[in-house]
Amino acid sequence: ILFPGMKTTVLLEVMAGKGTEIGSRFEEIARIIDGVKLKEYMGVCVDTCHIHEGGYDIVNNLDGVIDEFDRIVGLDRLKAIHLNDSKNPIGAHKGRHMGIDASARVVTHPKWTNLPFYVETPNELDGYAKEIAMLRSIVENK
């Protein structure tokens, strides 16, 4: 280890699969991690927009997608959720900024409740505050 005592974890973000990148399939993420010597320092950030547009149906089958991620990569590797909306249909492979109902299921899913969520939507500071308040309300009322 270059820096003794270092506890940094590198997160790979699942991509949308635009054709110029790797990592849009859970198998690709697992293969990247398998190729790393210090696997204990590797984790994954799931971007909800990217996995939706990469073909994972988190709108209608969130449990199935989570189970598939667990089987292929492992939920122990999941360290963060990048919460994004998508204006495109499933499998669009564009990575553009799904609906409030899908976002509500994501933020309240019992297998993800202890993870940090990062919100990235096209907005200004006041808009972010409203979105975060809405998401907190969903979680608190669950």
N, C-alpha and C. Protein backbone atom coordinates (compact mmCIF):
# COMPACT_ATOMS: atom_id res chain seq x y z
N ILE A 1 0.85 -1.18 0.00
CA ILE A 1 0.00 0.00 0.00
C ILE A 1 0.89 1.23 0.00
N LEU A 2 0.59 2.16 -0.85
CA LEU A 2 1.40 3.37 -0.97
C LEU A 2 1.31 4.26 0.26
N PHE A 3 0.12 4.36 0.84
CA PHE A 3 -0.10 5.23 1.98
C PHE A 3 -0.62 4.41 3.14
N PRO A 4 0.25 4.01 4.06
CA PRO A 4 -0.18 3.20 5.21
C PRO A 4 -1.33 3.87 5.96
N GLY A 5 -2.32 3.09 6.32
CA GLY A 5 -3.46 3.61 7.05
C GLY A 5 -4.54 4.21 6.17
N MET A 6 -4.29 4.31 4.87
CA MET A 6 -5.26 4.88 3.95
C MET A 6 -6.49 3.98 3.87
N LYS A 7 -7.65 4.56 3.95
CA LYS A 7 -8.89 3.79 3.91
C LYS A 7 -9.82 4.27 2.79
N THR A 8 -9.28 4.87 1.77
CA THR A 8 -10.08 5.38 0.66
C THR A 8 -10.66 4.24 -0.16
N THR A 9 -11.92 4.38 -0.53
CA THR A 9 -12.57 3.41 -1.41
C THR A 9 -12.84 4.09 -2.74
N VAL A 10 -12.44 3.45 -3.82
CA VAL A 10 -12.70 3.95 -5.17
C VAL A 10 -14.03 3.38 -5.62
N LEU A 11 -14.95 4.25 -6.04
CA LEU A 11 -16.26 3.81 -6.51
C LEU A 11 -16.33 3.85 -8.03
N LEU A 12 -16.77 2.75 -8.61
CA LEU A 12 -17.07 2.70 -10.03
C LEU A 12 -18.55 3.03 -10.19
N GLU A 13 -18.86 3.94 -11.08
CA GLU A 13 -20.26 4.28 -11.32
C GLU A 13 -20.77 3.50 -12.52
N VAL A 14 -21.91 2.85 -12.38
CA VAL A 14 -22.51 2.12 -13.48
C VAL A 14 -22.91 3.14 -14.56
N MET A 15 -22.56 2.85 -15.80
CA MET A 15 -22.77 3.78 -16.91
C MET A 15 -24.03 3.46 -17.69
N ALA A 16 -24.42 4.35 -18.59
CA ALA A 16 -25.63 4.18 -19.38
C ALA A 16 -25.41 3.33 -20.62
N GLY A 17 -24.17 3.17 -21.04
CA GLY A 17 -23.90 2.34 -22.22
C GLY A 17 -24.04 3.08 -23.53
N LYS A 18 -23.51 4.30 -23.59
CA LYS A 18 -23.61 5.13 -24.80
C LYS A 18 -22.77 4.59 -25.95
N GLY A 19 -21.93 3.62 -25.67
CA GLY A 19 -21.10 3.04 -26.73
C GLY A 19 -19.65 3.47 -26.67
N THR A 20 -19.34 4.46 -25.85
CA THR A 20 -17.97 4.94 -25.75
C THR A 20 -17.36 4.62 -24.39
N GLU A 21 -18.01 3.78 -23.62
CA GLU A 21 -17.57 3.48 -22.26
C GLU A 21 -17.86 2.03 -21.91
N ILE A 22 -17.22 1.56 -20.87
CA ILE A 22 -17.56 0.25 -20.34
C ILE A 22 -18.18 0.47 -18.96
N GLY A 23 -18.86 -0.55 -18.46
CA GLY A 23 -19.45 -0.45 -17.13
C GLY A 23 -20.94 -0.23 -17.11
N SER A 24 -21.62 -0.48 -18.22
CA SER A 24 -23.08 -0.33 -18.22
C SER A 24 -23.78 -1.62 -17.80
N ARG A 25 -23.07 -2.71 -17.83
CA ARG A 25 -23.63 -3.99 -17.39
C ARG A 25 -22.96 -4.37 -16.07
N PHE A 26 -23.74 -4.99 -15.20
CA PHE A 26 -23.19 -5.40 -13.91
C PHE A 26 -22.02 -6.37 -14.09
N GLU A 27 -22.08 -7.18 -15.14
CA GLU A 27 -20.99 -8.11 -15.42
C GLU A 27 -19.69 -7.37 -15.72
N GLU A 28 -19.79 -6.24 -16.41
CA GLU A 28 -18.60 -5.44 -16.71
C GLU A 28 -18.01 -4.84 -15.43
N ILE A 29 -18.87 -4.36 -14.55
CA ILE A 29 -18.40 -3.81 -13.27
C ILE A 29 -17.68 -4.89 -12.48
N ALA A 30 -18.29 -6.08 -12.41
CA ALA A 30 -17.68 -7.20 -11.66
C ALA A 30 -16.33 -7.57 -12.28
N ARG A 31 -16.24 -7.56 -13.59
CA ARG A 31 -14.99 -7.92 -14.26
C ARG A 31 -13.89 -6.89 -13.98
N ILE A 32 -14.26 -5.61 -13.95
CA ILE A 32 -13.28 -4.57 -13.62
C ILE A 32 -12.76 -4.81 -12.20
N ILE A 33 -13.66 -5.02 -11.26
CA ILE A 33 -13.25 -5.24 -9.87
C ILE A 33 -12.38 -6.48 -9.76
N ASP A 34 -12.75 -7.54 -10.49
CA ASP A 34 -11.95 -8.78 -10.46
C ASP A 34 -10.52 -8.54 -10.94
N GLY A 35 -10.32 -7.54 -11.80
CA GLY A 35 -8.99 -7.26 -12.32
C GLY A 35 -8.14 -6.35 -11.44
N VAL A 36 -8.68 -5.90 -10.32
CA VAL A 36 -7.97 -5.00 -9.42
C VAL A 36 -7.29 -5.81 -8.32
N LYS A 37 -6.04 -5.46 -8.03
CA LYS A 37 -5.31 -6.18 -6.97
C LYS A 37 -5.88 -5.90 -5.59
N LEU A 38 -6.18 -4.65 -5.29
CA LEU A 38 -6.66 -4.27 -3.96
C LEU A 38 -8.18 -4.15 -3.96
N LYS A 39 -8.85 -5.27 -4.18
CA LYS A 39 -10.30 -5.30 -4.30
C LYS A 39 -11.01 -4.73 -3.08
N GLU A 40 -10.37 -4.84 -1.91
CA GLU A 40 -11.01 -4.35 -0.69
C GLU A 40 -11.20 -2.83 -0.70
N TYR A 41 -10.55 -2.14 -1.65
CA TYR A 41 -10.69 -0.69 -1.77
C TYR A 41 -11.62 -0.30 -2.92
N MET A 42 -12.36 -1.26 -3.46
CA MET A 42 -13.24 -1.00 -4.60
C MET A 42 -14.70 -1.12 -4.18
N GLY A 43 -15.50 -0.19 -4.64
CA GLY A 43 -16.94 -0.21 -4.41
C GLY A 43 -17.66 0.26 -5.66
N VAL A 44 -18.99 0.33 -5.58
CA VAL A 44 -19.80 0.72 -6.72
C VAL A 44 -20.79 1.79 -6.30
N CYS A 45 -21.01 2.74 -7.19
CA CYS A 45 -22.07 3.73 -7.07
C CYS A 45 -23.06 3.43 -8.19
N VAL A 46 -24.31 3.17 -7.82
CA VAL A 46 -25.35 2.94 -8.82
C VAL A 46 -26.00 4.28 -9.15
N ASP A 47 -25.98 4.63 -10.40
CA ASP A 47 -26.65 5.83 -10.90
C ASP A 47 -27.99 5.37 -11.46
N THR A 48 -29.09 5.84 -10.87
CA THR A 48 -30.41 5.34 -11.26
C THR A 48 -30.77 5.67 -12.71
N CYS A 49 -30.36 6.82 -13.18
CA CYS A 49 -30.60 7.16 -14.58
C CYS A 49 -29.80 6.23 -15.50
N HIS A 50 -28.54 6.02 -15.17
CA HIS A 50 -27.68 5.19 -16.01
C HIS A 50 -28.17 3.75 -16.08
N ILE A 51 -28.55 3.15 -14.94
CA ILE A 51 -28.97 1.75 -15.02
C ILE A 51 -30.31 1.62 -15.73
N HIS A 52 -31.18 2.61 -15.55
CA HIS A 52 -32.46 2.61 -16.28
C HIS A 52 -32.20 2.67 -17.79
N GLU A 53 -31.38 3.61 -18.19
CA GLU A 53 -31.10 3.77 -19.62
C GLU A 53 -30.20 2.67 -20.16
N GLY A 54 -29.49 1.98 -19.28
CA GLY A 54 -28.67 0.84 -19.68
C GLY A 54 -29.49 -0.44 -19.85
N GLY A 55 -30.78 -0.38 -19.50
CA GLY A 55 -31.66 -1.52 -19.73
C GLY A 55 -32.13 -2.25 -18.49
N TYR A 56 -31.78 -1.76 -17.29
CA TYR A 56 -32.25 -2.37 -16.06
C TYR A 56 -33.56 -1.70 -15.64
N ASP A 57 -34.63 -2.48 -15.54
CA ASP A 57 -35.97 -1.93 -15.31
C ASP A 57 -36.22 -1.65 -13.82
N ILE A 58 -35.65 -0.53 -13.34
CA ILE A 58 -35.85 -0.18 -11.93
C ILE A 58 -37.21 0.46 -11.69
N VAL A 59 -37.91 0.84 -12.75
CA VAL A 59 -39.25 1.42 -12.59
C VAL A 59 -40.26 0.32 -12.25
N ASN A 60 -40.21 -0.80 -12.97
CA ASN A 60 -41.19 -1.88 -12.78
C ASN A 60 -40.65 -3.10 -12.06
N ASN A 61 -39.32 -3.20 -11.91
CA ASN A 61 -38.73 -4.41 -11.33
C ASN A 61 -37.50 -4.08 -10.49
N LEU A 62 -37.64 -3.13 -9.58
CA LEU A 62 -36.51 -2.72 -8.75
C LEU A 62 -35.94 -3.88 -7.95
N ASP A 63 -36.81 -4.71 -7.36
CA ASP A 63 -36.32 -5.86 -6.58
C ASP A 63 -35.49 -6.80 -7.44
N GLY A 64 -35.94 -7.06 -8.66
CA GLY A 64 -35.20 -7.94 -9.56
C GLY A 64 -33.84 -7.37 -9.93
N VAL A 65 -33.79 -6.06 -10.14
CA VAL A 65 -32.52 -5.41 -10.48
C VAL A 65 -31.56 -5.47 -9.30
N ILE A 66 -32.07 -5.21 -8.10
CA ILE A 66 -31.23 -5.28 -6.91
C ILE A 66 -30.72 -6.70 -6.71
N ASP A 67 -31.59 -7.69 -6.90
CA ASP A 67 -31.16 -9.09 -6.76
C ASP A 67 -30.10 -9.45 -7.80
N GLU A 68 -30.27 -8.95 -9.03
CA GLU A 68 -29.28 -9.23 -10.08
C GLU A 68 -27.94 -8.58 -9.74
N PHE A 69 -27.97 -7.34 -9.25
CA PHE A 69 -26.73 -6.68 -8.83
C PHE A 69 -26.06 -7.47 -7.72
N ASP A 70 -26.84 -7.92 -6.76
CA ASP A 70 -26.29 -8.69 -5.64
C ASP A 70 -25.64 -9.98 -6.12
N ARG A 71 -26.30 -10.66 -7.04
CA ARG A 71 -25.78 -11.94 -7.56
C ARG A 71 -24.49 -11.74 -8.36
N ILE A 72 -24.40 -10.66 -9.12
CA ILE A 72 -23.27 -10.46 -10.03
C ILE A 72 -22.13 -9.68 -9.38
N VAL A 73 -22.44 -8.61 -8.68
CA VAL A 73 -21.42 -7.74 -8.09
C VAL A 73 -21.35 -7.93 -6.58
N GLY A 74 -22.50 -7.99 -5.94
CA GLY A 74 -22.58 -8.12 -4.49
C GLY A 74 -23.01 -6.82 -3.83
N LEU A 75 -24.06 -6.87 -3.03
CA LEU A 75 -24.54 -5.67 -2.35
C LEU A 75 -23.50 -5.10 -1.39
N ASP A 76 -22.57 -5.94 -0.94
CA ASP A 76 -21.51 -5.45 -0.06
C ASP A 76 -20.61 -4.44 -0.77
N ARG A 77 -20.58 -4.46 -2.09
CA ARG A 77 -19.78 -3.51 -2.87
C ARG A 77 -20.52 -2.20 -3.13
N LEU A 78 -21.84 -2.19 -2.93
CA LEU A 78 -22.63 -1.00 -3.21
C LEU A 78 -22.43 0.00 -2.07
N LYS A 79 -21.86 1.15 -2.40
CA LYS A 79 -21.50 2.15 -1.38
C LYS A 79 -22.30 3.44 -1.49
N ALA A 80 -22.95 3.69 -2.63
CA ALA A 80 -23.69 4.93 -2.81
C ALA A 80 -24.70 4.80 -3.94
N ILE A 81 -25.73 5.64 -3.87
CA ILE A 81 -26.74 5.71 -4.93
C ILE A 81 -26.71 7.14 -5.48
N HIS A 82 -26.54 7.24 -6.77
CA HIS A 82 -26.60 8.52 -7.46
C HIS A 82 -28.01 8.63 -8.01
N LEU A 83 -28.87 9.38 -7.33
CA LEU A 83 -30.29 9.45 -7.66
C LEU A 83 -30.51 10.47 -8.75
N ASN A 84 -30.90 9.99 -9.91
CA ASN A 84 -31.18 10.81 -11.07
C ASN A 84 -32.51 10.41 -11.67
N ASP A 85 -33.12 11.33 -12.33
CA ASP A 85 -34.32 11.05 -13.10
C ASP A 85 -33.90 10.81 -14.54
N SER A 86 -34.80 10.30 -15.35
CA SER A 86 -34.51 10.10 -16.77
C SER A 86 -35.72 10.49 -17.58
N LYS A 87 -35.48 11.20 -18.65
CA LYS A 87 -36.56 11.57 -19.57
C LYS A 87 -36.67 10.57 -20.72
N ASN A 88 -35.80 9.59 -20.72
CA ASN A 88 -35.73 8.64 -21.83
C ASN A 88 -36.31 7.29 -21.42
N PRO A 89 -36.72 6.49 -22.41
CA PRO A 89 -37.25 5.15 -22.10
C PRO A 89 -36.14 4.21 -21.66
N ILE A 90 -36.55 3.13 -21.00
CA ILE A 90 -35.59 2.12 -20.56
C ILE A 90 -34.76 1.63 -21.74
N GLY A 91 -33.48 1.48 -21.52
CA GLY A 91 -32.59 0.98 -22.55
C GLY A 91 -32.17 2.01 -23.58
N ALA A 92 -32.40 3.31 -23.34
CA ALA A 92 -32.08 4.35 -24.32
C ALA A 92 -30.58 4.56 -24.50
N HIS A 93 -29.78 4.17 -23.52
CA HIS A 93 -28.31 4.30 -23.58
C HIS A 93 -27.86 5.73 -23.84
N LYS A 94 -28.52 6.71 -23.22
CA LYS A 94 -28.15 8.10 -23.44
C LYS A 94 -27.59 8.79 -22.22
N GLY A 95 -27.90 8.33 -21.03
CA GLY A 95 -27.38 8.96 -19.83
C GLY A 95 -27.94 10.35 -19.60
N ARG A 96 -29.19 10.60 -19.92
CA ARG A 96 -29.81 11.89 -19.70
C ARG A 96 -30.73 11.83 -18.50
N HIS A 97 -30.81 13.01 -17.99
CA HIS A 97 -31.64 13.16 -16.80
C HIS A 97 -33.07 13.26 -17.20
N MET A 98 -36.62 9.32 -14.67
CA MET A 98 -37.56 8.24 -14.59
C MET A 98 -38.82 8.81 -13.94
N GLY A 99 -39.36 9.15 -13.04
CA GLY A 99 -40.53 9.68 -12.42
C GLY A 99 -40.43 9.61 -10.91
N ILE A 100 -41.29 10.36 -10.26
CA ILE A 100 -41.24 10.46 -8.81
C ILE A 100 -41.57 9.14 -8.13
N ASP A 101 -42.47 8.34 -8.72
CA ASP A 101 -42.83 7.05 -8.12
C ASP A 101 -41.62 6.11 -8.08
N ALA A 102 -40.87 6.06 -9.16
CA ALA A 102 -39.68 5.21 -9.20
C ALA A 102 -38.64 5.74 -8.21
N SER A 103 -38.46 7.03 -8.15
CA SER A 103 -37.50 7.61 -7.20
C SER A 103 -37.91 7.29 -5.77
N ALA A 104 -39.20 7.33 -5.47
CA ALA A 104 -39.69 7.01 -4.13
C ALA A 104 -39.37 5.56 -3.77
N ARG A 105 -39.56 4.65 -4.72
CA ARG A 105 -39.24 3.23 -4.46
C ARG A 105 -37.74 3.05 -4.23
N VAL A 106 -36.93 3.78 -4.96
CA VAL A 106 -35.48 3.68 -4.82
C VAL A 106 -35.04 4.15 -3.43
N VAL A 107 -35.50 5.32 -3.00
CA VAL A 107 -35.01 5.87 -1.73
C VAL A 107 -35.58 5.17 -0.52
N THR A 108 -36.65 4.38 -0.70
CA THR A 108 -37.24 3.67 0.45
C THR A 108 -37.01 2.17 0.41
N HIS A 109 -36.25 1.69 -0.57
CA HIS A 109 -36.03 0.25 -0.66
C HIS A 109 -35.21 -0.22 0.54
N PRO A 110 -35.69 -1.26 1.24
CA PRO A 110 -35.01 -1.70 2.47
C PRO A 110 -33.55 -2.14 2.28
N LYS A 111 -33.17 -2.59 1.10
CA LYS A 111 -31.78 -3.01 0.89
C LYS A 111 -30.86 -1.83 0.62
N TRP A 112 -31.43 -0.63 0.45
CA TRP A 112 -30.64 0.54 0.14
C TRP A 112 -30.74 1.63 1.20
N THR A 113 -31.51 1.42 2.27
CA THR A 113 -31.79 2.51 3.21
C THR A 113 -30.57 3.02 3.97
N ASN A 114 -29.52 2.26 4.10
CA ASN A 114 -28.34 2.71 4.85
C ASN A 114 -27.25 3.29 3.95
N LEU A 115 -27.56 3.50 2.69
CA LEU A 115 -26.58 4.04 1.76
C LEU A 115 -26.74 5.54 1.59
N PRO A 116 -25.65 6.24 1.30
CA PRO A 116 -25.80 7.67 0.98
C PRO A 116 -26.39 7.83 -0.42
N PHE A 117 -27.24 8.82 -0.57
CA PHE A 117 -27.84 9.16 -1.86
C PHE A 117 -27.33 10.53 -2.28
N TYR A 118 -27.00 10.65 -3.55
CA TYR A 118 -26.56 11.92 -4.12
C TYR A 118 -27.56 12.31 -5.19
N VAL A 119 -28.08 13.52 -5.11
CA VAL A 119 -29.08 13.99 -6.07
C VAL A 119 -28.38 14.84 -7.12
N GLU A 120 -28.64 14.51 -8.36
CA GLU A 120 -28.11 15.32 -9.46
C GLU A 120 -29.21 15.43 -10.51
N THR A 121 -29.86 16.55 -10.49
CA THR A 121 -30.87 16.82 -11.50
C THR A 121 -30.63 18.24 -12.00
N PRO A 122 -31.06 18.54 -13.21
CA PRO A 122 -30.82 19.90 -13.73
C PRO A 122 -31.67 20.89 -12.95
N ASN A 123 -31.04 21.67 -12.10
CA ASN A 123 -31.78 22.55 -11.21
C ASN A 123 -30.88 23.65 -10.69
N GLU A 124 -31.47 24.59 -9.98
CA GLU A 124 -30.75 25.63 -9.25
C GLU A 124 -30.83 25.29 -7.77
N LEU A 125 -30.15 26.03 -6.92
CA LEU A 125 -30.11 25.72 -5.49
C LEU A 125 -31.50 25.62 -4.87
N ASP A 126 -32.40 26.53 -5.19
CA ASP A 126 -33.76 26.47 -4.64
C ASP A 126 -34.47 25.20 -5.09
N GLY A 127 -34.26 24.80 -6.32
CA GLY A 127 -34.87 23.58 -6.85
C GLY A 127 -34.33 22.35 -6.15
N TYR A 128 -33.00 22.33 -5.90
CA TYR A 128 -32.42 21.20 -5.17
C TYR A 128 -33.03 21.09 -3.78
N ALA A 129 -33.18 22.22 -3.11
CA ALA A 129 -33.75 22.22 -1.75
C ALA A 129 -35.16 21.62 -1.78
N LYS A 130 -35.95 21.97 -2.77
CA LYS A 130 -37.32 21.43 -2.89
C LYS A 130 -37.29 19.93 -3.15
N GLU A 131 -36.38 19.49 -4.04
CA GLU A 131 -36.27 18.06 -4.35
C GLU A 131 -35.84 17.26 -3.12
N ILE A 132 -34.87 17.77 -2.40
CA ILE A 132 -34.39 17.07 -1.20
C ILE A 132 -35.49 17.03 -0.15
N ALA A 133 -36.22 18.12 0.03
CA ALA A 133 -37.34 18.14 0.99
C ALA A 133 -38.41 17.12 0.58
N MET A 134 -38.70 17.03 -0.71
CA MET A 134 -39.69 16.07 -1.19
C MET A 134 -39.22 14.64 -0.92
N LEU A 135 -37.95 14.34 -1.19
CA LEU A 135 -37.42 13.01 -0.95
C LEU A 135 -37.41 12.68 0.55
N ARG A 136 -37.05 13.64 1.38
CA ARG A 136 -37.09 13.42 2.84
C ARG A 136 -38.51 13.12 3.29
N SER A 137 -39.47 13.83 2.73
CA SER A 137 -40.87 13.61 3.09
C SER A 137 -41.31 12.19 2.71
N ILE A 138 -40.88 11.73 1.56
CA ILE A 138 -41.20 10.37 1.13
C ILE A 138 -40.64 9.36 2.10
N VAL A 139 -39.38 9.54 2.49
CA VAL A 139 -38.71 8.60 3.41
C VAL A 139 -39.37 8.64 4.79
N GLU A 140 -39.66 9.83 5.27
CA GLU A 140 -40.25 9.98 6.61
C GLU A 140 -41.67 9.43 6.67
N ASN A 141 -42.39 9.47 5.57
CA ASN A 141 -43.78 9.00 5.55
C ASN A 141 -43.90 7.54 5.15
N LYS A 142 -42.79 6.89 4.93
CA LYS A 142 -42.81 5.46 4.53
C LYS A 142 -43.13 4.59 5.72
